Amino acid sequence: MIKAFCPGHISCFFSPVRTADVMTTGSLGAGIRLDKGTFVTVEERSDRKLVITMDGVVVDARITERTIRSLSPDRGFDVTIENQLPVSQGMGMSAAGAIAAGLCVSLVEGMSEYDAYRAAHIAEVSLGGGLGDVAGIMGGRQPIRVSAGIPPFGRTIDSMLSMNVTVAMTGPGRDTGTVLSDTCIMNKITEEGARCVSEYLNERTERSLYELSSRFSGSAGLETDNIRDALTILRKDHRASVCMLGGSIFTDASEDSVRSLLGDVEAISCSSSAEGPRIIHRA
């Protein structure tokens, strides 16, 4: 039995980059690697079956399954995923689950950590799960993706910005693949995201990160009514913006303040994390 942890990742703004090569496909952008994420336990089976259980329910986790099968096509595994953050809310949980599972399976197969990242990135991009979360999770405490894809093609720099944030769920999650396949929305995202990255590289501060993220979500039309209402309330005294691409927000307000201002919402305190994905147990 092998257990791994992978942090979540908020994408604050991004600009998609699609090429003929999946390894150079991804996005430019900036995000926050979180100290909360996903625990994955992998146990080898005596057959070739792959059974994935997420938060107590057997699921069809396509991105995690694709990652595992690309690393180990002939073995069977029982995979248990325990999430500290909600799925489909813009916190990189599909990438986190795939990376953590990949780390476990790559260890079984005698492969490298990079093989796990590569498999997770390919699965995410191919199946429409995201374009930058794997690179962001690899990239540091506050990663800035300056070249699309993952190393050695993609390049990410770490601003080393240390932040405490509260993430709050203001409504239903969003299907990332649906948004990424909408040409009109993606044109707006691409243009505004590229501008935000360029400006952020000139001023890598918490204030700038929030301001550019807010401009990005507003200009690209990514704020639902629930999100817009929550942001209006929070921004009276705090910084707040949208987790891409979800139904949630991140803010510098405390967990208690968020609940006091927004009412009965799920709110979770997090910090930007200096620690990346890792194996935490092997038996």
C-alpha atoms as a PDB file:
ATOM      1  CA  MET A   1       0.000   0.000   0.000  1.00  0.00           C
ATOM      2  CA  ILE A   2       1.315   3.419  -0.992  1.00  0.00           C
ATOM      3  CA  LYS A   3      -0.148   6.774   0.016  1.00  0.00           C
ATOM      4  CA  ALA A   4       0.595  10.156  -1.505  1.00  0.00           C
ATOM      5  CA  PHE A   5      -0.517  13.743  -0.990  1.00  0.00           C
ATOM      6  CA  CYS A   6      -0.918  16.398  -3.661  1.00  0.00           C
ATOM      7  CA  PRO A   7      -1.814  20.035  -2.944  1.00  0.00           C
ATOM      8  CA  GLY A   8      -4.666  21.783  -4.683  1.00  0.00           C
ATOM      9  CA  HIS A   9      -4.156  24.758  -6.974  1.00  0.00           C
ATOM     10  CA  ILE A  10      -6.208  27.876  -7.619  1.00  0.00           C
ATOM     11  CA  SER A  11      -5.793  29.404 -11.059  1.00  0.00           C
ATOM     12  CA  CYS A  12      -6.259  33.174 -10.713  1.00  0.00           C
ATOM     13  CA  PHE A  13      -6.040  34.029 -14.407  1.00  0.00           C
ATOM     14  CA  PHE A  14      -4.844  32.164 -17.477  1.00  0.00           C
ATOM     15  CA  SER A  15      -4.367  32.261 -21.227  1.00  0.00           C
ATOM     16  CA  PRO A  16      -4.760  28.917 -23.051  1.00  0.00           C
ATOM     17  CA  VAL A  17      -2.109  27.687 -25.458  1.00  0.00           C
ATOM     18  CA  ARG A  18      -2.954  24.790 -27.759  1.00  0.00           C
ATOM     19  CA  THR A  19      -0.386  23.166 -30.032  1.00  0.00           C
ATOM     20  CA  ALA A  20      -0.061  19.935 -31.988  1.00  0.00           C
ATOM     21  CA  ASP A  21       2.029  18.525 -29.109  1.00  0.00           C
ATOM     22  CA  VAL A  22       0.257  17.735 -25.840  1.00  0.00           C
ATOM     23  CA  MET A  23       3.472  18.423 -23.929  1.00  0.00           C
ATOM     24  CA  THR A  24       3.551  22.055 -25.087  1.00  0.00           C
ATOM     25  CA  THR A  25      -0.201  22.502 -24.777  1.00  0.00           C
ATOM     26  CA  GLY A  26      -1.341  24.201 -21.602  1.00  0.00           C
ATOM     27  CA  SER A  27      -1.645  27.792 -20.469  1.00  0.00           C
ATOM     28  CA  LEU A  28       0.125  30.870 -19.291  1.00  0.00           C
ATOM     29  CA  GLY A  29      -1.145  32.183 -15.988  1.00  0.00           C
ATOM     30  CA  ALA A  30      -0.754  32.701 -12.273  1.00  0.00           C
ATOM     31  CA  GLY A  31      -2.119  30.717  -9.369  1.00  0.00           C
ATOM     32  CA  ILE A  32      -1.762  29.672  -5.753  1.00  0.00           C
ATOM     33  CA  ARG A  33      -0.618  26.210  -4.666  1.00  0.00           C
ATOM     34  CA  LEU A  34      -2.578  25.366  -1.527  1.00  0.00           C
ATOM     35  CA  ASP A  35      -1.608  23.570   1.657  1.00  0.00           C
ATOM     36  CA  LYS A  36      -4.795  21.485   1.373  1.00  0.00           C
ATOM     37  CA  GLY A  37      -5.473  19.017  -1.393  1.00  0.00           C
ATOM     38  CA  THR A  38      -5.895  15.297  -1.968  1.00  0.00           C
ATOM     39  CA  PHE A  39      -4.706  12.108  -0.285  1.00  0.00           C
ATOM     40  CA  VAL A  40      -4.575   9.030  -2.509  1.00  0.00           C
ATOM     41  CA  THR A  41      -3.962   5.460  -1.384  1.00  0.00           C
ATOM     42  CA  VAL A  42      -3.107   2.783  -3.948  1.00  0.00           C
ATOM     43  CA  GLU A  43      -3.148  -0.974  -3.270  1.00  0.00           C
ATOM     44  CA  GLU A  44      -2.287  -3.515  -5.924  1.00  0.00           C
ATOM     45  CA  ARG A  45      -4.905  -6.143  -6.782  1.00  0.00           C
ATOM     46  CA  SER A  46      -4.470  -9.736  -7.916  1.00  0.00           C
ATOM     47  CA  ASP A  47      -6.350  -8.983 -11.159  1.00  0.00           C
ATOM     48  CA  ARG A  48      -6.171  -6.168 -13.747  1.00  0.00           C
ATOM     49  CA  LYS A  49      -9.257  -4.319 -12.489  1.00  0.00           C
ATOM     50  CA  LEU A  50      -9.042  -0.658 -11.519  1.00  0.00           C
ATOM     51  CA  VAL A  51     -11.467   0.476  -8.797  1.00  0.00           C
ATOM     52  CA  ILE A  52     -11.444   4.155  -7.805  1.00  0.00           C
ATOM     53  CA  THR A  53     -13.264   5.320  -4.687  1.00  0.00           C
ATOM     54  CA  MET A  54     -13.578   9.049  -4.019  1.00  0.00           C
ATOM     55  CA  ASP A  55     -14.748  10.282  -0.626  1.00  0.00           C
ATOM     56  CA  GLY A  56     -16.430   6.953   0.056  1.00  0.00           C
ATOM     57  CA  VAL A  57     -18.121   6.503  -3.335  1.00  0.00           C
ATOM     58  CA  VAL A  58     -16.941   4.381  -6.278  1.00  0.00           C
ATOM     59  CA  VAL A  59     -16.520   6.796  -9.178  1.00  0.00           C
ATOM     60  CA  ASP A  60     -15.523   6.997 -12.819  1.00  0.00           C
ATOM     61  CA  ALA A  61     -12.535   9.313 -12.381  1.00  0.00           C
ATOM     62  CA  ARG A  62     -11.445   9.453 -16.013  1.00  0.00           C
ATOM     63  CA  ILE A  63      -8.363  11.635 -15.565  1.00  0.00           C
ATOM     64  CA  THR A  64      -6.991   9.577 -12.687  1.00  0.00           C
ATOM     65  CA  GLU A  65      -7.781   6.366 -14.548  1.00  0.00           C
ATOM     66  CA  ARG A  66      -6.049   7.571 -17.725  1.00  0.00           C
ATOM     67  CA  THR A  67      -3.002   8.585 -15.672  1.00  0.00           C
ATOM     68  CA  ILE A  68      -2.754   5.205 -13.977  1.00  0.00           C
ATOM     69  CA  ARG A  69      -3.312   3.200 -17.148  1.00  0.00           C
ATOM     70  CA  SER A  70      -0.639   5.106 -19.046  1.00  0.00           C
ATOM     71  CA  LEU A  71       1.856   4.260 -16.308  1.00  0.00           C
ATOM     72  CA  SER A  72       0.715   0.711 -15.609  1.00  0.00           C
ATOM     73  CA  PRO A  73      -1.483  -0.844 -18.313  1.00  0.00           C
ATOM     74  CA  ASP A  74      -1.284  -4.415 -17.022  1.00  0.00           C
ATOM     75  CA  ARG A  75      -1.769  -4.154 -13.242  1.00  0.00           C
ATOM     76  CA  GLY A  76      -4.929  -3.779 -11.186  1.00  0.00           C
ATOM     77  CA  PHE A  77      -5.327  -1.354  -8.293  1.00  0.00           C
ATOM     78  CA  ASP A  78      -7.730  -0.260  -5.597  1.00  0.00           C
ATOM     79  CA  VAL A  79      -7.442   3.526  -5.485  1.00  0.00           C
ATOM     80  CA  THR A  80      -8.873   5.567  -2.615  1.00  0.00           C
ATOM     81  CA  ILE A  81      -9.107   9.348  -3.005  1.00  0.00           C
ATOM     82  CA  GLU A  82      -9.777  11.581   0.005  1.00  0.00           C
ATOM     83  CA  ASN A  83     -10.315  15.238  -0.847  1.00  0.00           C
ATOM     84  CA  GLN A  84      -9.799  18.126   1.550  1.00  0.00           C
ATOM     85  CA  LEU A  85     -11.266  20.538  -0.996  1.00  0.00           C
ATOM     86  CA  PRO A  86     -14.391  20.260  -3.174  1.00  0.00           C
ATOM     87  CA  VAL A  87     -14.220  19.002  -6.746  1.00  0.00           C
ATOM     88  CA  SER A  88     -15.357  20.999  -9.800  1.00  0.00           C
ATOM     89  CA  GLN A  89     -14.830  24.258  -7.932  1.00  0.00           C
ATOM     90  CA  GLY A  90     -11.634  25.531  -9.558  1.00  0.00           C
ATOM     91  CA  MET A  91      -9.189  24.118  -7.021  1.00  0.00           C
ATOM     92  CA  GLY A  92      -7.320  21.695  -9.239  1.00  0.00           C
ATOM     93  CA  MET A  93      -8.641  18.557  -7.612  1.00  0.00           C
ATOM     94  CA  SER A  94      -8.725  16.455 -10.779  1.00  0.00           C
ATOM     95  CA  ALA A  95      -5.061  17.239 -11.366  1.00  0.00           C
ATOM     96  CA  ALA A  96      -4.219  16.666  -7.699  1.00  0.00           C
ATOM     97  CA  GLY A  97      -5.882  13.242  -7.666  1.00  0.00           C
ATOM     98  CA  ALA A  98      -4.177  12.239 -10.901  1.00  0.00           C
ATOM     99  CA  ILE A  99      -0.743  13.385  -9.715  1.00  0.00           C
ATOM    100  CA  ALA A 100      -1.023  11.668  -6.324  1.00  0.00           C
ATOM    101  CA  ALA A 101      -2.236   8.427  -7.897  1.00  0.00           C
ATOM    102  CA  GLY A 102       0.483   8.713 -10.523  1.00  0.00           C
ATOM    103  CA  LEU A 103       3.185   9.096  -7.886  1.00  0.00           C
ATOM    104  CA  CYS A 104       2.010   5.916  -6.168  1.00  0.00           C
ATOM    105  CA  VAL A 105       1.794   3.878  -9.361  1.00  0.00           C
ATOM    106  CA  SER A 106       5.097   5.166 -10.714  1.00  0.00           C
ATOM    107  CA  LEU A 107       6.717   3.911  -7.510  1.00  0.00           C
ATOM    108  CA  VAL A 108       5.172   0.478  -8.033  1.00  0.00           C
ATOM    109  CA  GLU A 109       6.487   0.411 -11.596  1.00  0.00           C
ATOM    110  CA  GLY A 110       9.956   1.701 -10.711  1.00  0.00           C
ATOM    111  CA  MET A 111       9.418   4.876 -12.701  1.00  0.00           C
ATOM    112  CA  SER A 112      10.295   8.486 -11.883  1.00  0.00           C
ATOM    113  CA  GLU A 113       8.188  11.255 -10.338  1.00  0.00           C
ATOM    114  CA  TYR A 114       8.417  13.089 -13.648  1.00  0.00           C
ATOM    115  CA  ASP A 115       6.675  10.147 -15.343  1.00  0.00           C
ATOM    116  CA  ALA A 116       3.738  10.702 -12.980  1.00  0.00           C
ATOM    117  CA  TYR A 117       3.550  14.439 -13.750  1.00  0.00           C
ATOM    118  CA  ARG A 118       3.817  13.799 -17.465  1.00  0.00           C
ATOM    119  CA  ALA A 119       1.026  11.196 -17.388  1.00  0.00           C
ATOM    120  CA  ALA A 120      -1.236  13.490 -15.316  1.00  0.00           C
ATOM    121  CA  HIS A 121      -0.650  16.444 -17.633  1.00  0.00           C
ATOM    122  CA  ILE A 122      -1.411  14.407 -20.746  1.00  0.00           C
ATOM    123  CA  ALA A 123      -4.579  13.007 -19.149  1.00  0.00           C
ATOM    124  CA  GLU A 124      -5.772  16.463 -18.045  1.00  0.00           C
ATOM    125  CA  VAL A 125      -5.198  18.083 -21.428  1.00  0.00           C
ATOM    126  CA  SER A 126      -6.541  15.157 -23.462  1.00  0.00           C
ATOM    127  CA  LEU A 127      -9.726  14.771 -21.429  1.00  0.00           C
ATOM    128  CA  GLY A 128     -10.510  18.457 -20.966  1.00  0.00           C
ATOM    129  CA  GLY A 129      -9.875  18.571 -17.228  1.00  0.00           C
ATOM    130  CA  GLY A 130      -7.644  21.632 -17.281  1.00  0.00           C
ATOM    131  CA  LEU A 131      -4.740  23.303 -19.016  1.00  0.00           C
ATOM    132  CA  GLY A 132      -2.446  24.506 -16.249  1.00  0.00           C
ATOM    133  CA  ASP A 133      -3.060  22.812 -12.915  1.00  0.00           C
ATOM    134  CA  VAL A 134      -0.360  20.157 -13.249  1.00  0.00           C
ATOM    135  CA  ALA A 135       2.250  22.765 -14.181  1.00  0.00           C
ATOM    136  CA  GLY A 136       1.026  25.034 -11.389  1.00  0.00           C
ATOM    137  CA  ILE A 137       1.189  22.281  -8.793  1.00  0.00           C
ATOM    138  CA  MET A 138       4.737  21.477  -9.919  1.00  0.00           C
ATOM    139  CA  GLY A 139       5.702  25.139  -9.939  1.00  0.00           C
ATOM    140  CA  GLY A 140       5.913  26.348  -6.357  1.00  0.00           C
ATOM    141  CA  ARG A 141       4.144  28.343  -3.665  1.00  0.00           C
ATOM    142  CA  GLN A 142       2.751  30.995  -6.015  1.00  0.00           C
ATOM    143  CA  PRO A 143       3.459  29.728  -9.531  1.00  0.00           C
ATOM    144  CA  ILE A 144       3.506  31.893 -12.637  1.00  0.00           C
ATOM    145  CA  ARG A 145       3.303  29.877 -15.838  1.00  0.00           C
ATOM    146  CA  VAL A 146       5.402  31.798 -18.359  1.00  0.00           C
ATOM    147  CA  SER A 147       5.590  29.039 -21.008  1.00  0.00           C
ATOM    148  CA  ALA A 148       2.818  26.539 -21.671  1.00  0.00           C
ATOM    149  CA  GLY A 149       3.049  22.831 -20.911  1.00  0.00           C
ATOM    150  CA  ILE A 150       5.261  21.076 -18.383  1.00  0.00           C
ATOM    151  CA  PRO A 151       9.062  20.801 -18.215  1.00  0.00           C
ATOM    152  CA  PRO A 152      11.218  20.547 -20.200  1.00  0.00           C
ATOM    153  CA  PHE A 153       8.896  22.469 -22.536  1.00  0.00           C
ATOM    154  CA  GLY A 154       6.757  24.513 -20.177  1.00  0.00           C
ATOM    155  CA  ARG A 155       8.351  26.899 -17.700  1.00  0.00           C
ATOM    156  CA  THR A 156       7.014  28.117 -14.374  1.00  0.00           C
ATOM    157  CA  ILE A 157       8.557  30.630 -11.991  1.00  0.00           C
ATOM    158  CA  ASP A 158       7.657  31.034  -8.327  1.00  0.00           C
ATOM    159  CA  SER A 159       7.050  34.535  -7.013  1.00  0.00           C
ATOM    160  CA  MET A 160       7.474  33.039  -3.507  1.00  0.00           C
ATOM    161  CA  LEU A 161       4.481  35.131  -2.430  1.00  0.00           C
ATOM    162  CA  SER A 162       3.168  33.841   0.901  1.00  0.00           C
ATOM    163  CA  MET A 163      -0.605  34.139   1.267  1.00  0.00           C
ATOM    164  CA  ASN A 164      -3.397  33.101   3.578  1.00  0.00           C
ATOM    165  CA  VAL A 165      -6.709  32.684   1.794  1.00  0.00           C
ATOM    166  CA  THR A 166     -10.193  31.435   2.495  1.00  0.00           C
ATOM    167  CA  VAL A 167     -11.928  29.568  -0.302  1.00  0.00           C
ATOM    168  CA  ALA A 168     -15.717  29.688  -0.272  1.00  0.00           C
ATOM    169  CA  MET A 169     -18.247  27.830  -2.396  1.00  0.00           C
ATOM    170  CA  THR A 170     -20.924  30.233  -3.590  1.00  0.00           C
ATOM    171  CA  GLY A 171     -22.796  27.882  -5.901  1.00  0.00           C
ATOM    172  CA  PRO A 172     -22.601  24.743  -8.053  1.00  0.00           C
ATOM    173  CA  GLY A 173     -19.307  23.752  -9.619  1.00  0.00           C
ATOM    174  CA  ARG A 174     -18.619  24.127 -13.324  1.00  0.00           C
ATOM    175  CA  ASP A 175     -17.563  21.594 -15.925  1.00  0.00           C
ATOM    176  CA  THR A 176     -14.135  22.788 -17.030  1.00  0.00           C
ATOM    177  CA  GLY A 177     -14.344  20.946 -20.325  1.00  0.00           C
ATOM    178  CA  THR A 178     -17.562  22.763 -21.295  1.00  0.00           C
ATOM    179  CA  VAL A 179     -15.991  26.176 -20.727  1.00  0.00           C
ATOM    180  CA  LEU A 180     -12.749  25.245 -22.481  1.00  0.00           C
ATOM    181  CA  SER A 181     -14.690  24.138 -25.573  1.00  0.00           C
ATOM    182  CA  ASP A 182     -16.680  27.398 -25.885  1.00  0.00           C
ATOM    183  CA  THR A 183     -14.885  29.383 -28.629  1.00  0.00           C
ATOM    184  CA  CYS A 184     -16.413  32.760 -27.742  1.00  0.00           C
ATOM    185  CA  ILE A 185     -15.518  32.506 -24.052  1.00  0.00           C
ATOM    186  CA  MET A 186     -12.066  31.155 -24.820  1.00  0.00           C
ATOM    187  CA  ASN A 187     -11.226  34.044 -27.148  1.00  0.00           C
ATOM    188  CA  LYS A 188     -11.982  36.500 -24.342  1.00  0.00           C
ATOM    189  CA  ILE A 189     -10.037  34.399 -21.827  1.00  0.00           C
ATOM    190  CA  THR A 190      -7.004  34.116 -24.114  1.00  0.00           C
ATOM    191  CA  GLU A 191      -6.723  37.837 -24.763  1.00  0.00           C
ATOM    192  CA  GLU A 192      -7.370  39.064 -21.231  1.00  0.00           C
ATOM    193  CA  GLY A 193      -5.318  36.277 -19.636  1.00  0.00           C
ATOM    194  CA  ALA A 194      -2.237  37.143 -21.679  1.00  0.00           C
ATOM    195  CA  ARG A 195      -2.513  40.797 -20.660  1.00  0.00           C
ATOM    196  CA  CYS A 196      -2.842  39.857 -16.993  1.00  0.00           C
ATOM    197  CA  VAL A 197       0.234  37.616 -17.083  1.00  0.00           C
ATOM    198  CA  SER A 198       2.309  40.339 -18.702  1.00  0.00           C
ATOM    199  CA  GLU A 199       1.227  42.923 -16.122  1.00  0.00           C
ATOM    200  CA  TYR A 200       1.686  40.571 -13.191  1.00  0.00           C
ATOM    201  CA  LEU A 201       5.272  39.805 -14.129  1.00  0.00           C
ATOM    202  CA  ASN A 202       5.974  43.508 -13.614  1.00  0.00           C
ATOM    203  CA  GLU A 203       4.345  43.631 -10.167  1.00  0.00           C
ATOM    204  CA  ARG A 204       4.256  40.339  -8.272  1.00  0.00           C
ATOM    205  CA  THR A 205       2.299  41.387  -5.192  1.00  0.00           C
ATOM    206  CA  GLU A 206      -0.765  40.087  -3.413  1.00  0.00           C
ATOM    207  CA  ARG A 207      -2.644  43.271  -4.269  1.00  0.00           C
ATOM    208  CA  SER A 208      -1.796  42.896  -7.961  1.00  0.00           C
ATOM    209  CA  LEU A 209      -2.751  39.209  -7.983  1.00  0.00           C
ATOM    210  CA  TYR A 210      -6.227  39.993  -6.632  1.00  0.00           C
ATOM    211  CA  GLU A 211      -6.748  43.025  -8.867  1.00  0.00           C
ATOM    212  CA  LEU A 212      -5.731  41.242 -12.066  1.00  0.00           C
ATOM    213  CA  SER A 213      -7.721  38.144 -11.143  1.00  0.00           C
ATOM    214  CA  SER A 214     -10.806  40.294 -10.576  1.00  0.00           C
ATOM    215  CA  ARG A 215     -10.340  42.104 -13.870  1.00  0.00           C
ATOM    216  CA  PHE A 216      -9.849  38.798 -15.667  1.00  0.00           C
ATOM    217  CA  SER A 217     -13.011  37.111 -14.351  1.00  0.00           C
ATOM    218  CA  GLY A 218     -15.109  40.203 -15.045  1.00  0.00           C
ATOM    219  CA  SER A 219     -13.789  40.846 -18.553  1.00  0.00           C
ATOM    220  CA  ALA A 220     -14.001  37.192 -19.579  1.00  0.00           C
ATOM    221  CA  GLY A 221     -17.588  36.838 -18.335  1.00  0.00           C
ATOM    222  CA  LEU A 222     -16.762  34.085 -15.831  1.00  0.00           C
ATOM    223  CA  GLU A 223     -18.725  35.421 -12.859  1.00  0.00           C
ATOM    224  CA  THR A 224     -22.074  33.794 -12.138  1.00  0.00           C
ATOM    225  CA  ASP A 225     -24.785  35.755 -10.334  1.00  0.00           C
ATOM    226  CA  ASN A 226     -23.945  33.970  -7.066  1.00  0.00           C
ATOM    227  CA  ILE A 227     -20.271  34.772  -7.421  1.00  0.00           C
ATOM    228  CA  ARG A 228     -20.925  38.393  -8.345  1.00  0.00           C
ATOM    229  CA  ASP A 229     -23.157  38.899  -5.302  1.00  0.00           C
ATOM    230  CA  ALA A 230     -20.581  37.332  -2.970  1.00  0.00           C
ATOM    231  CA  LEU A 231     -17.738  39.400  -4.408  1.00  0.00           C
ATOM    232  CA  THR A 232     -19.722  42.623  -4.010  1.00  0.00           C
ATOM    233  CA  ILE A 233     -20.249  41.897  -0.320  1.00  0.00           C
ATOM    234  CA  LEU A 234     -16.687  40.816   0.412  1.00  0.00           C
ATOM    235  CA  ARG A 235     -15.002  43.618  -1.510  1.00  0.00           C
ATOM    236  CA  LYS A 236     -16.440  46.256   0.791  1.00  0.00           C
ATOM    237  CA  ASP A 237     -13.703  45.438   3.308  1.00  0.00           C
ATOM    238  CA  HIS A 238     -11.616  42.630   1.782  1.00  0.00           C
ATOM    239  CA  ARG A 239      -9.919  41.403  -1.378  1.00  0.00           C
ATOM    240  CA  ALA A 240     -11.722  38.630  -3.244  1.00  0.00           C
ATOM    241  CA  SER A 241     -11.809  36.989  -6.657  1.00  0.00           C
ATOM    242  CA  VAL A 242     -12.848  33.833  -8.503  1.00  0.00           C
ATOM    243  CA  CYS A 243     -11.238  30.383  -8.513  1.00  0.00           C
ATOM    244  CA  MET A 244     -10.863  29.413 -12.181  1.00  0.00           C
ATOM    245  CA  LEU A 245     -12.937  27.612 -13.392  1.00  0.00           C
ATOM    246  CA  GLY A 246     -15.412  26.947 -10.614  1.00  0.00           C
ATOM    247  CA  GLY A 247     -18.308  28.260  -8.592  1.00  0.00           C
ATOM    248  CA  SER A 248     -16.074  29.405  -5.771  1.00  0.00           C
ATOM    249  CA  ILE A 249     -14.071  32.418  -4.653  1.00  0.00           C
ATOM    250  CA  PHE A 250     -10.859  33.087  -2.752  1.00  0.00           C
ATOM    251  CA  THR A 251     -10.423  35.976  -0.368  1.00  0.00           C
ATOM    252  CA  ASP A 252      -8.141  37.419   2.306  1.00  0.00           C
ATOM    253  CA  ALA A 253     -11.105  37.509   4.711  1.00  0.00           C
ATOM    254  CA  SER A 254     -10.992  34.959   7.535  1.00  0.00           C
ATOM    255  CA  GLU A 255     -13.164  31.859   7.506  1.00  0.00           C
ATOM    256  CA  ASP A 256     -15.362  33.324  10.258  1.00  0.00           C
ATOM    257  CA  SER A 257     -15.702  36.628   8.414  1.00  0.00           C
ATOM    258  CA  VAL A 258     -16.730  34.875   5.214  1.00  0.00           C
ATOM    259  CA  ARG A 259     -19.470  32.941   6.977  1.00  0.00           C
ATOM    260  CA  SER A 260     -20.612  36.041   8.817  1.00  0.00           C
ATOM    261  CA  LEU A 261     -20.863  38.037   5.587  1.00  0.00           C
ATOM    262  CA  LEU A 262     -22.126  35.364   3.176  1.00  0.00           C
ATOM    263  CA  GLY A 263     -24.219  33.201   5.470  1.00  0.00           C
ATOM    264  CA  ASP A 264     -24.315  29.423   5.324  1.00  0.00           C
ATOM    265  CA  VAL A 265     -21.558  28.721   2.786  1.00  0.00           C
ATOM    266  CA  GLU A 266     -18.777  26.141   2.831  1.00  0.00           C
ATOM    267  CA  ALA A 267     -15.584  28.033   3.658  1.00  0.00           C
ATOM    268  CA  ILE A 268     -12.103  26.573   4.129  1.00  0.00           C
ATOM    269  CA  SER A 269      -8.947  28.302   5.358  1.00  0.00           C
ATOM    270  CA  CYS A 270      -5.803  27.639   3.303  1.00  0.00           C
ATOM    271  CA  SER A 271      -2.284  28.954   2.828  1.00  0.00           C
ATOM    272  CA  SER A 272       0.039  29.058  -0.137  1.00  0.00           C
ATOM    273  CA  SER A 273       2.192  25.945   0.168  1.00  0.00           C
ATOM    274  CA  ALA A 274       5.941  25.609  -0.144  1.00  0.00           C
ATOM    275  CA  GLU A 275       5.568  21.811  -0.169  1.00  0.00           C
ATOM    276  CA  GLY A 276       4.661  20.025  -3.370  1.00  0.00           C
ATOM    277  CA  PRO A 277       3.270  16.540  -4.084  1.00  0.00           C
ATOM    278  CA  ARG A 278       4.920  13.730  -2.136  1.00  0.00           C
ATOM    279  CA  ILE A 279       4.766  10.101  -1.049  1.00  0.00           C
ATOM    280  CA  ILE A 280       3.783  10.032   2.630  1.00  0.00           C
ATOM    281  CA  HIS A 281       3.558   6.280   3.337  1.00  0.00           C
ATOM    282  CA  ARG A 282       4.763   3.034   1.835  1.00  0.00           C
ATOM    283  CA  ALA A 283       4.107  -0.401   3.315  1.00  0.00           C
END
